[in-house]
């Protein structure tokens, strides 16, 4: 993994509805919950995004972009975050390099 994609600090701000990450190289990312939910990397969400791109009339069902207050996120090993959405969706594992790219 690219050393620059290693977080130095992660702050999940439920009130502002965003995740703020300070990276080892000094860069900072601010990722709104809405973006994180829209770009969920799980297989189901990926298929829904693909279908929406192929079929203009397809409406992608998406839950609320709100995290559980008592368990918003967890580290997955040393490489990713997992978010726990209020509607029960938690299949997406967000590798740090993916989170870094979402901020571009």
PDB file of N, CA and C in Angstrom:
ATOM      1  N   UNK A   1       0.852  -1.185   0.000  1.00  0.00           N
ATOM      2  CA  UNK A   1       0.000   0.000   0.000  1.00  0.00           C
ATOM      3  C   UNK A   1       0.892   1.241   0.000  1.00  0.00           C
ATOM      4  N   UNK A   2       0.448   2.243  -0.696  1.00  0.00           N
ATOM      5  CA  UNK A   2       1.150   3.524  -0.756  1.00  0.00           C
ATOM      6  C   UNK A   2       1.158   4.155   0.631  1.00  0.00           C
ATOM      7  N   UNK A   3       2.337   4.517   1.106  1.00  0.00           N
ATOM      8  CA  UNK A   3       2.480   5.119   2.440  1.00  0.00           C
ATOM      9  C   UNK A   3       1.631   6.377   2.584  1.00  0.00           C
ATOM     10  N   UNK A   4       1.448   7.127   1.482  1.00  0.00           N
ATOM     11  CA  UNK A   4       0.639   8.345   1.527  1.00  0.00           C
ATOM     12  C   UNK A   4      -0.825   8.062   1.826  1.00  0.00           C
ATOM     13  N   UNK A   5      -1.252   6.835   1.584  1.00  0.00           N
ATOM     14  CA  UNK A   5      -2.649   6.471   1.803  1.00  0.00           C
ATOM     15  C   UNK A   5      -2.886   5.901   3.198  1.00  0.00           C
ATOM     16  N   UNK A   6      -1.943   6.119   4.096  1.00  0.00           N
ATOM     17  CA  UNK A   6      -2.095   5.672   5.475  1.00  0.00           C
ATOM     18  C   UNK A   6      -2.603   6.835   6.314  1.00  0.00           C
ATOM     19  N   UNK A   7      -3.742   6.660   6.971  1.00  0.00           N
ATOM     20  CA  UNK A   7      -4.266   7.758   7.793  1.00  0.00           C
ATOM     21  C   UNK A   7      -3.421   7.986   9.044  1.00  0.00           C
ATOM     22  N   UNK A   8      -3.287   9.243   9.370  1.00  0.00           N
ATOM     23  CA  UNK A   8      -2.641   9.649  10.614  1.00  0.00           C
ATOM     24  C   UNK A   8      -3.720   9.852  11.675  1.00  0.00           C
ATOM     25  N   UNK A   9      -4.878  10.372  11.223  1.00  0.00           N
ATOM     26  CA  UNK A   9      -6.001  10.625  12.119  1.00  0.00           C
ATOM     27  C   UNK A   9      -7.308  10.499  11.326  1.00  0.00           C
ATOM     28  N   UNK A  10      -8.315   9.893  11.945  1.00  0.00           N
ATOM     29  CA  UNK A  10      -9.639   9.746  11.326  1.00  0.00           C
ATOM     30  C   UNK A  10     -10.669  10.270  12.308  1.00  0.00           C
ATOM     31  N   UNK A  11     -11.530  11.173  11.825  1.00  0.00           N
ATOM     32  CA  UNK A  11     -12.592  11.728  12.651  1.00  0.00           C
ATOM     33  C   UNK A  11     -13.928  11.545  11.940  1.00  0.00           C
ATOM     34  N   UNK A  12     -14.824  10.790  12.552  1.00  0.00           N
ATOM     35  CA  UNK A  12     -16.176  10.618  12.019  1.00  0.00           C
ATOM     36  C   UNK A  12     -17.064  11.610  12.762  1.00  0.00           C
ATOM     37  N   UNK A  13     -17.493  12.646  12.061  1.00  0.00           N
ATOM     38  CA  UNK A  13     -18.290  13.720  12.663  1.00  0.00           C
ATOM     39  C   UNK A  13     -19.760  13.509  12.309  1.00  0.00           C
ATOM     40  N   UNK A  14     -20.509  12.954  13.257  1.00  0.00           N
ATOM     41  CA  UNK A  14     -21.926  12.660  13.016  1.00  0.00           C
ATOM     42  C   UNK A  14     -22.750  13.927  12.820  1.00  0.00           C
ATOM     43  N   UNK A  15     -22.406  14.978  13.533  1.00  0.00           N
ATOM     44  CA  UNK A  15     -23.167  16.220  13.443  1.00  0.00           C
ATOM     45  C   UNK A  15     -22.983  16.889  12.074  1.00  0.00           C
ATOM     46  N   UNK A  16     -21.755  16.945  11.598  1.00  0.00           N
ATOM     47  CA  UNK A  16     -21.473  17.555  10.288  1.00  0.00           C
ATOM     48  C   UNK A  16     -21.714  16.581   9.137  1.00  0.00           C
ATOM     49  N   UNK A  17     -21.948  15.312   9.460  1.00  0.00           N
ATOM     50  CA  UNK A  17     -22.181  14.250   8.469  1.00  0.00           C
ATOM     51  C   UNK A  17     -21.009  14.142   7.482  1.00  0.00           C
ATOM     52  N   UNK A  18     -19.803  14.019   8.069  1.00  0.00           N
ATOM     53  CA  UNK A  18     -18.622  13.884   7.228  1.00  0.00           C
ATOM     54  C   UNK A  18     -17.528  13.127   7.975  1.00  0.00           C
ATOM     55  N   UNK A  19     -16.642  12.546   7.189  1.00  0.00           N
ATOM     56  CA  UNK A  19     -15.457  11.886   7.728  1.00  0.00           C
ATOM     57  C   UNK A  19     -14.260  12.730   7.313  1.00  0.00           C
ATOM     58  N   UNK A  20     -13.451  13.083   8.291  1.00  0.00           N
ATOM     59  CA  UNK A  20     -12.248  13.868   8.024  1.00  0.00           C
ATOM     60  C   UNK A  20     -11.031  12.969   8.289  1.00  0.00           C
ATOM     61  N   UNK A  21     -10.162  12.923   7.301  1.00  0.00           N
ATOM     62  CA  UNK A  21      -8.965  12.086   7.414  1.00  0.00           C
ATOM     63  C   UNK A  21      -7.731  12.941   7.175  1.00  0.00           C
ATOM     64  N   UNK A  22      -6.801  12.857   8.115  1.00  0.00           N
ATOM     65  CA  UNK A  22      -5.486  13.468   7.926  1.00  0.00           C
ATOM     66  C   UNK A  22      -4.546  12.321   7.564  1.00  0.00           C
ATOM     67  N   UNK A  23      -3.871  12.466   6.418  1.00  0.00           N
ATOM     68  CA  UNK A  23      -3.008  11.402   5.908  1.00  0.00           C
ATOM     69  C   UNK A  23      -1.568  11.614   6.368  1.00  0.00           C
ATOM     70  N   UNK A  24      -0.781  10.540   6.310  1.00  0.00           N
ATOM     71  CA  UNK A  24       0.624  10.590   6.732  1.00  0.00           C
ATOM     72  C   UNK A  24       1.428  11.654   5.992  1.00  0.00           C
ATOM     73  N   UNK A  25       1.056  11.942   4.737  1.00  0.00           N
ATOM     74  CA  UNK A  25       1.806  12.927   3.966  1.00  0.00           C
ATOM     75  C   UNK A  25       1.346  14.358   4.222  1.00  0.00           C
ATOM     76  N   UNK A  26       0.434  14.543   5.181  1.00  0.00           N
ATOM     77  CA  UNK A  26      -0.023  15.874   5.542  1.00  0.00           C
ATOM     78  C   UNK A  26      -1.284  16.333   4.829  1.00  0.00           C
ATOM     79  N   UNK A  27      -1.695  15.623   3.784  1.00  0.00           N
ATOM     80  CA  UNK A  27      -2.933  15.966   3.080  1.00  0.00           C
ATOM     81  C   UNK A  27      -4.126  15.678   3.979  1.00  0.00           C
ATOM     82  N   UNK A  28      -5.228  16.360   3.706  1.00  0.00           N
ATOM     83  CA  UNK A  28      -6.459  16.158   4.475  1.00  0.00           C
ATOM     84  C   UNK A  28      -7.619  15.927   3.516  1.00  0.00           C
ATOM     85  N   UNK A  29      -8.483  14.997   3.879  1.00  0.00           N
ATOM     86  CA  UNK A  29      -9.676  14.703   3.091  1.00  0.00           C
ATOM     87  C   UNK A  29     -10.900  14.953   3.943  1.00  0.00           C
ATOM     88  N   UNK A  30     -11.927  15.511   3.312  1.00  0.00           N
ATOM     89  CA  UNK A  30     -13.233  15.674   3.949  1.00  0.00           C
ATOM     90  C   UNK A  30     -14.233  14.960   3.056  1.00  0.00           C
ATOM     91  N   UNK A  31     -14.832  13.900   3.572  1.00  0.00           N
ATOM     92  CA  UNK A  31     -15.726  13.056   2.792  1.00  0.00           C
ATOM     93  C   UNK A  31     -17.130  13.087   3.395  1.00  0.00           C
ATOM     94  N   UNK A  32     -18.069  13.740   2.710  1.00  0.00           N
ATOM     95  CA  UNK A  32     -19.449  13.774   3.210  1.00  0.00           C
ATOM     96  C   UNK A  32     -20.059  12.366   3.214  1.00  0.00           C
ATOM     97  N   UNK A  33     -20.902  12.097   4.191  1.00  0.00           N
ATOM     98  CA  UNK A  33     -21.574  10.797   4.276  1.00  0.00           C
ATOM     99  C   UNK A  33     -22.298  10.479   2.969  1.00  0.00           C
ATOM    100  N   UNK A  34     -22.921  11.492   2.372  1.00  0.00           N
ATOM    101  CA  UNK A  34     -23.665  11.301   1.123  1.00  0.00           C
ATOM    102  C   UNK A  34     -22.761  10.704   0.040  1.00  0.00           C
ATOM    103  N   UNK A  35     -21.560  11.244  -0.102  1.00  0.00           N
ATOM    104  CA  UNK A  35     -20.600  10.731  -1.081  1.00  0.00           C
ATOM    105  C   UNK A  35     -20.201   9.302  -0.750  1.00  0.00           C
ATOM    106  N   UNK A  36     -19.910   9.044   0.519  1.00  0.00           N
ATOM    107  CA  UNK A  36     -19.508   7.703   0.932  1.00  0.00           C
ATOM    108  C   UNK A  36     -20.605   6.677   0.642  1.00  0.00           C
ATOM    109  N   UNK A  37     -21.847   7.061   0.894  1.00  0.00           N
ATOM    110  CA  UNK A  37     -22.955   6.139   0.641  1.00  0.00           C
ATOM    111  C   UNK A  37     -23.150   5.921  -0.858  1.00  0.00           C
ATOM    112  N   UNK A  38     -23.069   6.992  -1.640  1.00  0.00           N
ATOM    113  CA  UNK A  38     -23.230   6.876  -3.092  1.00  0.00           C
ATOM    114  C   UNK A  38     -22.137   6.021  -3.717  1.00  0.00           C
ATOM    115  N   UNK A  39     -20.945   6.069  -3.156  1.00  0.00           N
ATOM    116  CA  UNK A  39     -19.805   5.363  -3.731  1.00  0.00           C
ATOM    117  C   UNK A  39     -19.436   4.100  -2.952  1.00  0.00           C
ATOM    118  N   UNK A  40     -20.391   3.530  -2.248  1.00  0.00           N
ATOM    119  CA  UNK A  40     -20.139   2.301  -1.488  1.00  0.00           C
ATOM    120  C   UNK A  40     -19.516   1.254  -2.416  1.00  0.00           C
ATOM    121  N   UNK A  41     -18.375   0.676  -2.010  1.00  0.00           N
ATOM    122  CA  UNK A  41     -17.675  -0.268  -2.882  1.00  0.00           C
ATOM    123  C   UNK A  41     -18.188  -1.711  -2.818  1.00  0.00           C
ATOM    124  N   UNK A  42     -19.283  -1.975  -2.127  1.00  0.00           N
ATOM    125  CA  UNK A  42     -19.768  -3.360  -2.049  1.00  0.00           C
ATOM    126  C   UNK A  42     -20.305  -3.809  -3.410  1.00  0.00           C
ATOM    127  N   UNK A  43     -20.426  -5.106  -3.603  1.00  0.00           N
ATOM    128  CA  UNK A  43     -20.858  -5.669  -4.883  1.00  0.00           C
ATOM    129  C   UNK A  43     -22.267  -5.225  -5.265  1.00  0.00           C
ATOM    130  N   UNK A  44     -23.188  -5.194  -4.320  1.00  0.00           N
ATOM    131  CA  UNK A  44     -24.568  -4.806  -4.609  1.00  0.00           C
ATOM    132  C   UNK A  44     -24.620  -3.358  -5.108  1.00  0.00           C
ATOM    133  N   UNK A  45     -23.971  -2.453  -4.405  1.00  0.00           N
ATOM    134  CA  UNK A  45     -23.978  -1.045  -4.807  1.00  0.00           C
ATOM    135  C   UNK A  45     -23.266  -0.854  -6.143  1.00  0.00           C
ATOM    136  N   UNK A  46     -22.205  -1.596  -6.372  1.00  0.00           N
ATOM    137  CA  UNK A  46     -21.486  -1.525  -7.645  1.00  0.00           C
ATOM    138  C   UNK A  46     -22.382  -1.931  -8.804  1.00  0.00           C
ATOM    139  N   UNK A  47     -23.140  -3.008  -8.614  1.00  0.00           N
ATOM    140  CA  UNK A  47     -24.075  -3.455  -9.655  1.00  0.00           C
ATOM    141  C   UNK A  47     -25.174  -2.423  -9.890  1.00  0.00           C
ATOM    142  N   UNK A  48     -25.652  -1.805  -8.819  1.00  0.00           N
ATOM    143  CA  UNK A  48     -26.692  -0.779  -8.964  1.00  0.00           C
ATOM    144  C   UNK A  48     -26.157   0.433  -9.726  1.00  0.00           C
ATOM    145  N   UNK A  49     -24.921   0.843  -9.445  1.00  0.00           N
ATOM    146  CA  UNK A  49     -24.331   1.959 -10.177  1.00  0.00           C
ATOM    147  C   UNK A  49     -24.174   1.621 -11.658  1.00  0.00           C
ATOM    148  N   UNK A  50     -23.759   0.384 -11.934  1.00  0.00           N
ATOM    149  CA  UNK A  50     -23.582  -0.067 -13.315  1.00  0.00           C
ATOM    150  C   UNK A  50     -24.928  -0.063 -14.047  1.00  0.00           C
ATOM    151  N   UNK A  51     -25.955  -0.589 -13.403  1.00  0.00           N
ATOM    152  CA  UNK A  51     -27.280  -0.635 -14.012  1.00  0.00           C
ATOM    153  C   UNK A  51     -27.824   0.774 -14.261  1.00  0.00           C
ATOM    154  N   UNK A  52     -27.613   1.670 -13.315  1.00  0.00           N
ATOM    155  CA  UNK A  52     -28.072   3.051 -13.464  1.00  0.00           C
ATOM    156  C   UNK A  52     -27.368   3.733 -14.642  1.00  0.00           C
ATOM    157  N   UNK A  53     -26.099   3.415 -14.862  1.00  0.00           N
ATOM    158  CA  UNK A  53     -25.357   4.004 -15.978  1.00  0.00           C
ATOM    159  C   UNK A  53     -25.834   3.459 -17.321  1.00  0.00           C
ATOM    160  N   UNK A  54     -26.253   2.197 -17.327  1.00  0.00           N
ATOM    161  CA  UNK A  54     -26.694   1.552 -18.564  1.00  0.00           C
ATOM    162  C   UNK A  54     -28.155   1.817 -18.898  1.00  0.00           C
ATOM    163  N   UNK A  55     -28.977   1.995 -17.883  1.00  0.00           N
ATOM    164  CA  UNK A  55     -30.418   2.163 -18.089  1.00  0.00           C
ATOM    165  C   UNK A  55     -30.862   3.511 -17.525  1.00  0.00           C
ATOM    166  N   UNK A  56     -31.104   4.482 -18.388  1.00  0.00           N
ATOM    167  CA  UNK A  56     -31.439   5.840 -17.931  1.00  0.00           C
ATOM    168  C   UNK A  56     -32.669   5.917 -17.025  1.00  0.00           C
ATOM    169  N   UNK A  57     -33.594   4.989 -17.141  1.00  0.00           N
ATOM    170  CA  UNK A  57     -34.809   5.046 -16.327  1.00  0.00           C
ATOM    171  C   UNK A  57     -34.679   4.287 -15.002  1.00  0.00           C
ATOM    172  N   UNK A  58     -33.537   3.631 -14.792  1.00  0.00           N
ATOM    173  CA  UNK A  58     -33.329   2.897 -13.540  1.00  0.00           C
ATOM    174  C   UNK A  58     -33.123   3.881 -12.391  1.00  0.00           C
ATOM    175  N   UNK A  59     -33.908   3.717 -11.365  1.00  0.00           N
ATOM    176  CA  UNK A  59     -33.756   4.546 -10.165  1.00  0.00           C
ATOM    177  C   UNK A  59     -33.071   3.694  -9.117  1.00  0.00           C
ATOM    178  N   UNK A  60     -31.893   4.143  -8.725  1.00  0.00           N
ATOM    179  CA  UNK A  60     -31.097   3.386  -7.757  1.00  0.00           C
ATOM    180  C   UNK A  60     -31.654   3.573  -6.359  1.00  0.00           C
ATOM    181  N   UNK A  61     -32.109   2.475  -5.734  1.00  0.00           N
ATOM    182  CA  UNK A  61     -32.579   2.596  -4.355  1.00  0.00           C
ATOM    183  C   UNK A  61     -31.387   2.795  -3.427  1.00  0.00           C
ATOM    184  N   UNK A  62     -31.455   3.816  -2.623  1.00  0.00           N
ATOM    185  CA  UNK A  62     -30.351   4.085  -1.714  1.00  0.00           C
ATOM    186  C   UNK A  62     -30.895   4.490  -0.360  1.00  0.00           C
ATOM    187  N   UNK A  63     -30.331   3.913   0.685  1.00  0.00           N
ATOM    188  CA  UNK A  63     -30.745   4.269   2.033  1.00  0.00           C
ATOM    189  C   UNK A  63     -30.209   5.629   2.440  1.00  0.00           C
ATOM    190  N   UNK A  64     -30.599   6.029   3.628  1.00  0.00           N
ATOM    191  CA  UNK A  64     -30.145   7.322   4.162  1.00  0.00           C
ATOM    192  C   UNK A  64     -28.638   7.318   4.374  1.00  0.00           C
ATOM    193  N   UNK A  65     -28.045   8.442   4.095  1.00  0.00           N
ATOM    194  CA  UNK A  65     -26.612   8.615   4.314  1.00  0.00           C
ATOM    195  C   UNK A  65     -26.387   9.088   5.748  1.00  0.00           C
ATOM    196  N   UNK A  66     -26.764   8.219   6.672  1.00  0.00           N
ATOM    197  CA  UNK A  66     -26.630   8.522   8.095  1.00  0.00           C
ATOM    198  C   UNK A  66     -26.045   7.295   8.787  1.00  0.00           C
ATOM    199  N   UNK A  67     -25.049   7.522   9.626  1.00  0.00           N
ATOM    200  CA  UNK A  67     -24.379   6.424  10.314  1.00  0.00           C
ATOM    201  C   UNK A  67     -24.969   6.194  11.696  1.00  0.00           C
ATOM    202  N   UNK A  68     -24.831   4.970  12.186  1.00  0.00           N
ATOM    203  CA  UNK A  68     -25.276   4.646  13.539  1.00  0.00           C
ATOM    204  C   UNK A  68     -24.492   5.480  14.546  1.00  0.00           C
ATOM    205  N   UNK A  69     -25.168   6.042  15.509  1.00  0.00           N
ATOM    206  CA  UNK A  69     -24.511   6.897  16.502  1.00  0.00           C
ATOM    207  C   UNK A  69     -23.578   6.104  17.412  1.00  0.00           C
ATOM    208  N   UNK A  70     -23.961   4.889  17.763  1.00  0.00           N
ATOM    209  CA  UNK A  70     -23.159   4.109  18.715  1.00  0.00           C
ATOM    210  C   UNK A  70     -22.063   3.275  18.047  1.00  0.00           C
ATOM    211  N   UNK A  71     -22.107   3.148  16.733  1.00  0.00           N
ATOM    212  CA  UNK A  71     -21.089   2.379  16.008  1.00  0.00           C
ATOM    213  C   UNK A  71     -21.033   2.863  14.559  1.00  0.00           C
ATOM    214  N   UNK A  72     -20.499   4.072  14.336  1.00  0.00           N
ATOM    215  CA  UNK A  72     -20.508   4.625  12.982  1.00  0.00           C
ATOM    216  C   UNK A  72     -19.523   3.953  12.016  1.00  0.00           C
ATOM    217  N   UNK A  73     -18.360   3.571  12.527  1.00  0.00           N
ATOM    218  CA  UNK A  73     -17.329   3.007  11.652  1.00  0.00           C
ATOM    219  C   UNK A  73     -16.342   2.183  12.472  1.00  0.00           C
ATOM    220  N   UNK A  74     -15.644   1.294  11.758  1.00  0.00           N
ATOM    221  CA  UNK A  74     -14.594   0.477  12.379  1.00  0.00           C
ATOM    222  C   UNK A  74     -13.438   0.343  11.414  1.00  0.00           C
ATOM    223  N   UNK A  75     -12.248   0.212  11.971  1.00  0.00           N
ATOM    224  CA  UNK A  75     -11.088  -0.130  11.154  1.00  0.00           C
ATOM    225  C   UNK A  75     -11.188  -1.578  10.723  1.00  0.00           C
ATOM    226  N   UNK A  76     -10.787  -1.852   9.496  1.00  0.00           N
ATOM    227  CA  UNK A  76     -10.691  -3.220   8.990  1.00  0.00           C
ATOM    228  C   UNK A  76      -9.204  -3.467   8.776  1.00  0.00           C
ATOM    229  N   UNK A  77      -8.638  -4.253   9.655  1.00  0.00           N
ATOM    230  CA  UNK A  77      -7.196  -4.477   9.594  1.00  0.00           C
ATOM    231  C   UNK A  77      -6.447  -3.157   9.637  1.00  0.00           C
ATOM    232  N   UNK A  78      -5.433  -3.051   8.804  1.00  0.00           N
ATOM    233  CA  UNK A  78      -4.631  -1.829   8.699  1.00  0.00           C
ATOM    234  C   UNK A  78      -4.821  -1.169   7.339  1.00  0.00           C
ATOM    235  N   UNK A  79      -5.949  -1.501   6.657  1.00  0.00           N
ATOM    236  CA  UNK A  79      -6.070  -1.039   5.281  1.00  0.00           C
ATOM    237  C   UNK A  79      -7.394  -0.389   4.905  1.00  0.00           C
ATOM    238  N   UNK A  80      -8.399  -0.393   5.789  1.00  0.00           N
ATOM    239  CA  UNK A  80      -9.720   0.069   5.347  1.00  0.00           C
ATOM    240  C   UNK A  80     -10.609   0.485   6.517  1.00  0.00           C
ATOM    241  N   UNK A  81     -11.741   1.111   6.147  1.00  0.00           N
ATOM    242  CA  UNK A  81     -12.814   1.441   7.087  1.00  0.00           C
ATOM    243  C   UNK A  81     -14.092   0.745   6.634  1.00  0.00           C
ATOM    244  N   UNK A  82     -14.901   0.402   7.589  1.00  0.00           N
ATOM    245  CA  UNK A  82     -16.237  -0.130   7.326  1.00  0.00           C
ATOM    246  C   UNK A  82     -17.226   0.794   8.026  1.00  0.00           C
ATOM    247  N   UNK A  83     -18.237   1.246   7.285  1.00  0.00           N
ATOM    248  CA  UNK A  83     -19.244   2.137   7.838  1.00  0.00           C
ATOM    249  C   UNK A  83     -20.519   1.367   8.125  1.00  0.00           C
ATOM    250  N   UNK A  84     -21.219   1.777   9.189  1.00  0.00           N
ATOM    251  CA  UNK A  84     -22.462   1.130   9.605  1.00  0.00           C
ATOM    252  C   UNK A  84     -23.598   2.128   9.450  1.00  0.00           C
ATOM    253  N   UNK A  85     -24.320   1.998   8.328  1.00  0.00           N
ATOM    254  CA  UNK A  85     -25.392   2.927   7.981  1.00  0.00           C
ATOM    255  C   UNK A  85     -26.642   2.632   8.783  1.00  0.00           C
ATOM    256  N   UNK A  86     -27.428   3.643   9.015  1.00  0.00           N
ATOM    257  CA  UNK A  86     -28.611   3.557   9.876  1.00  0.00           C
ATOM    258  C   UNK A  86     -29.654   2.568   9.350  1.00  0.00           C
ATOM    259  N   UNK A  87     -29.641   2.307   8.033  1.00  0.00           N
ATOM    260  CA  UNK A  87     -30.612   1.365   7.465  1.00  0.00           C
ATOM    261  C   UNK A  87     -30.118  -0.082   7.501  1.00  0.00           C
ATOM    262  N   UNK A  88     -28.964  -0.320   8.150  1.00  0.00           N
ATOM    263  CA  UNK A  88     -28.452  -1.673   8.297  1.00  0.00           C
ATOM    264  C   UNK A  88     -27.403  -2.061   7.258  1.00  0.00           C
ATOM    265  N   UNK A  89     -27.194  -1.236   6.243  1.00  0.00           N
ATOM    266  CA  UNK A  89     -26.197  -1.554   5.213  1.00  0.00           C
ATOM    267  C   UNK A  89     -24.799  -1.384   5.802  1.00  0.00           C
ATOM    268  N   UNK A  90     -23.980  -2.426   5.675  1.00  0.00           N
ATOM    269  CA  UNK A  90     -22.603  -2.333   6.172  1.00  0.00           C
ATOM    270  C   UNK A  90     -21.656  -3.248   5.396  1.00  0.00           C
ATOM    271  N   UNK A  91     -22.039  -3.599   4.182  1.00  0.00           N
ATOM    272  CA  UNK A  91     -21.247  -4.542   3.391  1.00  0.00           C
ATOM    273  C   UNK A  91     -20.013  -3.909   2.758  1.00  0.00           C
ATOM    274  N   UNK A  92     -19.985  -2.601   2.640  1.00  0.00           N
ATOM    275  CA  UNK A  92     -18.866  -1.947   1.970  1.00  0.00           C
ATOM    276  C   UNK A  92     -17.633  -1.833   2.837  1.00  0.00           C
ATOM    277  N   UNK A  93     -16.513  -2.281   2.308  1.00  0.00           N
ATOM    278  CA  UNK A  93     -15.215  -2.109   2.944  1.00  0.00           C
ATOM    279  C   UNK A  93     -14.484  -1.061   2.097  1.00  0.00           C
ATOM    280  N   UNK A  94     -14.140   0.069   2.704  1.00  0.00           N
ATOM    281  CA  UNK A  94     -13.556   1.207   2.005  1.00  0.00           C
ATOM    282  C   UNK A  94     -12.049   1.238   2.245  1.00  0.00           C
ATOM    283  N   UNK A  95     -11.242   0.673   1.334  1.00  0.00           N
ATOM    284  CA  UNK A  95      -9.781   0.730   1.510  1.00  0.00           C
ATOM    285  C   UNK A  95      -9.311   2.187   1.567  1.00  0.00           C
ATOM    286  N   UNK A  96      -8.231   2.421   2.296  1.00  0.00           N
ATOM    287  CA  UNK A  96      -7.738   3.786   2.464  1.00  0.00           C
ATOM    288  C   UNK A  96      -7.408   4.444   1.125  1.00  0.00           C
ATOM    289  N   UNK A  97      -6.834   3.682   0.174  1.00  0.00           N
ATOM    290  CA  UNK A  97      -6.530   4.289  -1.124  1.00  0.00           C
ATOM    291  C   UNK A  97      -7.802   4.712  -1.852  1.00  0.00           C
ATOM    292  N   UNK A  98      -8.890   3.960  -1.683  1.00  0.00           N
ATOM    293  CA  UNK A  98     -10.174   4.315  -2.285  1.00  0.00           C
ATOM    294  C   UNK A  98     -10.715   5.611  -1.650  1.00  0.00           C
ATOM    295  N   UNK A  99     -10.633   5.708  -0.331  1.00  0.00           N
ATOM    296  CA  UNK A  99     -11.080   6.931   0.358  1.00  0.00           C
ATOM    297  C   UNK A  99     -10.265   8.137  -0.098  1.00  0.00           C
ATOM    298  N   UNK A 100      -8.983   7.953  -0.261  1.00  0.00           N
ATOM    299  CA  UNK A 100      -8.122   9.054  -0.709  1.00  0.00           C
ATOM    300  C   UNK A 100      -8.534   9.504  -2.113  1.00  0.00           C
ATOM    301  N   UNK A 101      -8.845   8.567  -2.975  1.00  0.00           N
ATOM    302  CA  UNK A 101      -9.237   8.888  -4.348  1.00  0.00           C
ATOM    303  C   UNK A 101     -10.617   9.544  -4.408  1.00  0.00           C
ATOM    304  N   UNK A 102     -11.505   9.206  -3.489  1.00  0.00           N
ATOM    305  CA  UNK A 102     -12.839   9.812  -3.473  1.00  0.00           C
ATOM    306  C   UNK A 102     -12.765  11.319  -3.229  1.00  0.00           C
ATOM    307  N   UNK A 103     -11.723  11.782  -2.599  1.00  0.00           N
ATOM    308  CA  UNK A 103     -11.578  13.196  -2.275  1.00  0.00           C
ATOM    309  C   UNK A 103     -11.035  14.010  -3.445  1.00  0.00           C
ATOM    310  N   UNK A 104     -10.688  13.378  -4.518  1.00  0.00           N
ATOM    311  CA  UNK A 104     -10.094  14.094  -5.669  1.00  0.00           C
ATOM    312  C   UNK A 104     -11.159  14.691  -6.551  1.00  0.00           C
TER     313      UNK A 104
END
